[in-house]
Amino acid sequence: MASEAPPAAAGIPTGLDGMAAPRVVAAGAGRWLIVADAPRGRYAAGVVNGRLSDLGWVGERAMEHERVVEHFTRHGTVVPMKLFTLFTGDEKAVADVRRRRGLARLLSSLAGREEWGVRVAVDPGRLRRRIREQAARPTPGLSAGTGFLVQRQQEQRAVRGSLDDARQRAEEVFSALAAIAADTRRRDPAGVEGASLLLDGAFLVERTRAGEFTDAARALARRHAPEGVSVVLTGPWPPYNFLTPSR
């Protein structure tokens, strides 16, 4: 992490299970490493690699790591290292950081900023049910069979139109929030809990504009909810999605 003064050691959350308490190591130029001594019998590379398929164990270690990262995010500019990053000693860790090209530029780009996540989704099943309720009335002058086919065609067209409208709403959400953010990332959408994810975005926001950003996101959520489009805001998070340049 980068800060003018060394971060206080008091109040640091407990790190990974079995490790010594996290401590601060000076890396020069106002940079500090947060490290913890790891017993080789539990965290040697071979031991860790043998347990990576145990998602429960990995997940618990990830949460412990995340607590420490989030603690220091409140006290300076943090560049999180990957879980299970191991060095043979403090000197090796400091040397690795000093060799990293582009670190100064990265720290500058993250200074005073935090990451927020925004997901926009629509439930196609809910759309179909609403459209069927609206189209349940029989069409005058048509037989039952013909009316059924016509109704199905109308439903399909209406669902497609509603999904197109929802995608447009997702783009409007992204554009409105991107105008407040300093940088953005978009991840490939995927289905989430029966809903169609239309936007999975990360936004790097100046801390001084965090209130403006969250107010805007919540206002957008209220605006689009009646149309079956959900806007979910999460954060703030350490800037994991902004550790590498955008493509």
Protein backbone atom coordinates (compact mmCIF):
# COMPACT_ATOMS: atom_id res chain seq x y z
CA MET A 1 0.00 0.00 0.00
CA ALA A 2 1.03 3.64 -0.37
CA SER A 3 0.67 6.23 2.38
CA GLU A 4 2.79 9.06 3.73
CA ALA A 5 3.03 7.53 7.20
CA PRO A 6 3.32 3.84 8.07
CA PRO A 7 -0.11 2.30 8.64
CA ALA A 8 -0.95 1.62 12.26
CA ALA A 9 -0.53 -1.97 13.36
CA ALA A 10 -3.40 -1.70 15.85
CA GLY A 11 -6.75 -3.12 14.81
CA ILE A 12 -5.49 -5.22 11.89
CA PRO A 13 -7.86 -8.17 11.40
CA THR A 14 -6.56 -11.68 11.94
CA GLY A 15 -5.02 -12.98 8.72
CA LEU A 16 -5.06 -16.47 7.28
CA ASP A 17 -5.69 -19.32 9.67
CA GLY A 18 -2.50 -20.52 11.31
CA MET A 19 -0.39 -17.55 10.24
CA ALA A 20 1.25 -15.06 12.57
CA ALA A 21 -0.42 -11.67 13.00
CA PRO A 22 -0.13 -9.34 9.98
CA ARG A 23 2.65 -6.76 10.25
CA VAL A 24 3.92 -3.78 8.29
CA VAL A 25 7.21 -3.81 6.35
CA ALA A 26 8.69 -0.66 4.79
CA ALA A 27 9.33 -0.95 1.04
CA GLY A 28 10.63 2.59 0.45
CA ALA A 29 9.16 5.64 -1.32
CA GLY A 30 6.11 5.75 0.94
CA ARG A 31 5.18 2.15 0.20
CA TRP A 32 4.40 -0.52 2.74
CA LEU A 33 3.91 -4.26 2.58
CA ILE A 34 1.43 -6.04 4.81
CA VAL A 35 2.90 -9.46 5.48
CA ALA A 36 2.41 -12.41 7.81
CA ASP A 37 4.72 -15.29 8.63
CA ALA A 38 3.31 -18.56 7.26
CA PRO A 39 4.17 -21.99 8.72
CA ARG A 40 5.61 -24.11 5.92
CA GLY A 41 3.75 -27.17 7.08
CA ARG A 42 0.46 -25.43 6.22
CA TYR A 43 1.28 -22.98 3.43
CA ALA A 44 4.21 -24.35 1.45
CA ALA A 45 3.52 -24.23 -2.29
CA GLY A 46 3.04 -28.00 -2.54
CA VAL A 47 0.62 -28.05 0.39
CA VAL A 48 -1.44 -25.16 -1.00
CA ASN A 49 -1.54 -26.63 -4.51
CA GLY A 50 -2.83 -29.88 -3.06
CA ARG A 51 -5.77 -28.11 -1.44
CA LEU A 52 -6.87 -25.80 -4.25
CA SER A 53 -9.67 -28.23 -5.18
CA ASP A 54 -11.12 -27.87 -1.67
CA LEU A 55 -13.36 -24.88 -2.35
CA GLY A 56 -14.49 -24.61 1.25
CA TRP A 57 -10.92 -24.29 2.51
CA VAL A 58 -9.91 -21.88 -0.27
CA GLY A 59 -13.04 -19.78 0.29
CA GLU A 60 -12.34 -19.40 4.01
CA ARG A 61 -8.74 -18.35 3.31
CA ALA A 62 -9.97 -15.88 0.67
CA MET A 63 -12.34 -14.24 3.16
CA GLU A 64 -9.54 -13.94 5.73
CA HIS A 65 -7.30 -12.35 3.10
CA GLU A 66 -10.06 -10.00 2.00
CA ARG A 67 -10.66 -8.73 5.54
CA VAL A 68 -7.05 -7.61 5.80
CA VAL A 69 -7.11 -5.99 2.34
CA GLU A 70 -10.32 -4.09 3.09
CA HIS A 71 -8.96 -2.87 6.43
CA PHE A 72 -5.96 -1.20 4.78
CA THR A 73 -8.02 0.15 1.89
CA ARG A 74 -9.51 2.57 4.41
CA HIS A 75 -6.05 3.88 5.32
CA GLY A 76 -4.25 4.34 2.00
CA THR A 77 -3.95 3.24 -1.61
CA VAL A 78 -3.83 -0.54 -1.74
CA VAL A 79 -2.70 -2.88 -4.51
CA PRO A 80 -3.90 -6.32 -3.38
CA MET A 81 -1.66 -9.29 -4.08
CA LYS A 82 -3.10 -12.63 -5.09
CA LEU A 83 -4.14 -15.05 -2.38
CA PHE A 84 -1.26 -17.40 -1.39
CA THR A 85 1.48 -15.07 -2.65
CA LEU A 86 4.54 -16.48 -0.85
CA PHE A 87 8.13 -15.24 -0.37
CA THR A 88 11.00 -16.79 1.54
CA GLY A 89 11.48 -13.60 3.58
CA ASP A 90 10.79 -9.90 3.90
CA GLU A 91 13.80 -8.99 1.75
CA LYS A 92 12.52 -11.10 -1.14
CA ALA A 93 9.07 -9.51 -0.90
CA VAL A 94 10.47 -5.97 -0.87
CA ALA A 95 12.77 -6.73 -3.80
CA ASP A 96 9.85 -8.12 -5.80
CA VAL A 97 7.80 -4.98 -5.26
CA ARG A 98 10.68 -2.70 -6.19
CA ARG A 99 11.18 -4.60 -9.46
CA ARG A 100 7.57 -4.25 -10.56
CA ARG A 101 7.33 -1.96 -13.54
CA GLY A 102 4.40 0.40 -13.70
CA LEU A 103 3.66 0.20 -9.98
CA ALA A 104 4.05 3.95 -9.46
CA ARG A 105 1.64 4.63 -12.32
CA LEU A 106 -0.84 2.11 -10.93
CA LEU A 107 -0.73 3.59 -7.44
CA SER A 108 -1.27 7.06 -8.90
CA SER A 109 -4.32 5.87 -10.86
CA LEU A 110 -5.86 4.31 -7.73
CA ALA A 111 -5.07 7.06 -5.23
CA GLY A 112 -8.17 8.47 -3.55
CA ARG A 113 -10.46 6.12 -5.43
CA GLU A 114 -12.52 3.02 -4.65
CA GLU A 115 -14.30 0.36 -6.68
CA TRP A 116 -18.07 -0.05 -6.86
CA GLY A 117 -19.94 -2.86 -8.61
CA VAL A 118 -23.23 -2.48 -10.50
CA ARG A 119 -25.29 -5.31 -11.94
CA VAL A 120 -28.35 -4.84 -14.12
CA ALA A 121 -30.60 -7.85 -14.68
CA VAL A 122 -34.05 -8.74 -15.97
CA ASP A 123 -36.18 -11.78 -15.20
CA PRO A 124 -37.49 -13.17 -18.55
CA GLY A 125 -39.98 -15.40 -16.75
CA ARG A 126 -41.51 -12.40 -15.02
CA LEU A 127 -41.75 -10.60 -18.34
CA ARG A 128 -43.55 -13.55 -19.96
CA ARG A 129 -46.01 -13.86 -17.09
CA ARG A 130 -46.83 -10.16 -17.23
CA ILE A 131 -47.28 -10.25 -21.01
CA ARG A 132 -49.49 -13.36 -20.82
CA GLU A 133 -51.71 -11.66 -18.27
CA GLN A 134 -52.04 -8.66 -20.57
CA ALA A 135 -52.78 -10.86 -23.60
CA ALA A 136 -55.16 -13.29 -21.89
CA ARG A 137 -58.26 -11.73 -23.43
CA PRO A 138 -59.51 -13.66 -26.50
CA THR A 139 -59.20 -12.04 -29.95
CA PRO A 140 -62.67 -11.37 -31.47
CA GLY A 141 -63.52 -13.20 -34.71
CA LEU A 142 -60.89 -15.93 -34.39
CA SER A 143 -61.35 -19.59 -33.56
CA ALA A 144 -59.90 -20.89 -30.32
CA GLY A 145 -56.96 -22.55 -32.12
CA THR A 146 -56.15 -19.57 -34.31
CA GLY A 147 -56.52 -17.21 -31.37
CA PHE A 148 -54.09 -19.35 -29.37
CA LEU A 149 -51.44 -19.19 -32.11
CA VAL A 150 -51.91 -15.46 -32.59
CA GLN A 151 -51.60 -14.91 -28.85
CA ARG A 152 -48.37 -16.92 -28.73
CA GLN A 153 -46.88 -14.89 -31.58
CA GLN A 154 -47.87 -11.67 -29.87
CA GLU A 155 -46.29 -12.88 -26.62
CA GLN A 156 -43.01 -13.74 -28.34
CA ARG A 157 -42.84 -10.35 -30.06
CA ALA A 158 -43.66 -8.59 -26.79
CA VAL A 159 -40.98 -10.52 -24.88
CA ARG A 160 -38.36 -9.70 -27.50
CA GLY A 161 -39.39 -6.06 -27.40
CA SER A 162 -39.25 -6.02 -23.61
CA LEU A 163 -35.80 -7.62 -23.57
CA ASP A 164 -34.56 -5.08 -26.12
CA ASP A 165 -35.96 -2.33 -23.92
CA ALA A 166 -34.23 -3.84 -20.86
CA ARG A 167 -30.89 -3.95 -22.70
CA GLN A 168 -31.30 -0.30 -23.62
CA ARG A 169 -32.02 0.51 -19.98
CA ALA A 170 -28.83 -1.31 -18.94
CA GLU A 171 -26.83 0.81 -21.38
CA GLU A 172 -28.43 3.96 -19.97
CA VAL A 173 -27.42 2.86 -16.44
CA PHE A 174 -23.84 2.25 -17.53
CA SER A 175 -23.57 5.58 -19.35
CA ALA A 176 -25.04 7.57 -16.46
CA LEU A 177 -22.68 6.03 -13.90
CA ALA A 178 -19.64 6.08 -16.17
CA ALA A 179 -20.04 9.85 -16.39
CA ILE A 180 -19.38 10.04 -12.62
CA ALA A 181 -16.63 7.40 -12.43
CA ALA A 182 -12.93 7.92 -13.15
CA ASP A 183 -12.66 4.55 -14.93
CA THR A 184 -14.86 1.57 -15.76
CA ARG A 185 -14.68 -2.13 -16.55
CA ARG A 186 -17.33 -4.38 -18.06
CA ARG A 187 -17.35 -8.13 -17.50
CA ASP A 188 -19.12 -10.60 -19.75
CA PRO A 189 -22.71 -11.00 -18.51
CA ALA A 190 -23.94 -14.45 -17.51
CA GLY A 191 -27.18 -15.87 -16.10
CA VAL A 192 -27.63 -15.18 -12.39
CA GLU A 193 -30.25 -16.93 -10.24
CA GLY A 194 -32.85 -17.29 -12.98
CA ALA A 195 -32.35 -13.76 -14.27
CA SER A 196 -30.61 -12.54 -17.40
CA LEU A 197 -27.64 -10.41 -16.45
CA LEU A 198 -27.45 -7.48 -18.85
CA LEU A 199 -24.61 -5.55 -17.23
CA ASP A 200 -21.85 -6.58 -14.84
CA GLY A 201 -19.82 -3.42 -14.39
CA ALA A 202 -17.06 -2.16 -12.13
CA PHE A 203 -16.60 1.57 -11.56
CA LEU A 204 -13.54 3.30 -10.10
CA VAL A 205 -14.88 6.32 -8.24
CA GLU A 206 -13.21 9.22 -6.45
CA ARG A 207 -13.98 8.93 -2.75
CA THR A 208 -15.10 12.56 -2.83
CA ARG A 209 -17.80 11.56 -5.38
CA ALA A 210 -18.89 8.30 -3.75
CA GLY A 211 -22.06 9.86 -2.37
CA GLU A 212 -22.98 11.27 -5.77
CA PHE A 213 -22.31 7.89 -7.39
CA THR A 214 -24.33 5.82 -4.93
CA ASP A 215 -27.23 8.29 -4.99
CA ALA A 216 -27.29 8.08 -8.80
CA ALA A 217 -27.21 4.26 -8.75
CA ARG A 218 -30.09 4.06 -6.28
CA ALA A 219 -32.13 6.58 -8.26
CA LEU A 220 -31.61 4.47 -11.41
CA ALA A 221 -32.70 1.37 -9.49
CA ARG A 222 -35.94 3.05 -8.47
CA ARG A 223 -36.56 4.32 -12.02
CA HIS A 224 -36.21 0.93 -13.72
CA ALA A 225 -37.69 -1.40 -11.09
CA PRO A 226 -41.31 -0.96 -12.30
CA GLU A 227 -40.24 -2.33 -15.70
CA GLY A 228 -38.80 -5.50 -14.16
CA VAL A 229 -35.19 -4.34 -14.47
CA SER A 230 -33.11 -4.61 -11.30
CA VAL A 231 -30.08 -2.41 -10.63
CA VAL A 232 -27.92 -3.76 -7.78
CA LEU A 233 -25.10 -1.70 -6.26
CA THR A 234 -22.28 -3.28 -4.23
CA GLY A 235 -19.18 -1.87 -2.59
CA PRO A 236 -17.00 -0.14 -1.94
CA TRP A 237 -14.39 -2.79 -2.75
CA PRO A 238 -10.62 -2.89 -3.09
CA PRO A 239 -9.86 -2.06 -6.75
CA TYR A 240 -9.34 -5.64 -7.97
CA ASN A 241 -10.75 -4.90 -11.43
CA PHE A 242 -8.39 -1.97 -12.01
CA LEU A 243 -5.02 -3.61 -11.31
CA THR A 244 -4.32 -4.09 -15.01
CA PRO A 245 -4.78 -1.61 -17.88
CA SER A 246 -8.02 -1.79 -19.83
CA ARG A 247 -7.85 -3.44 -23.22
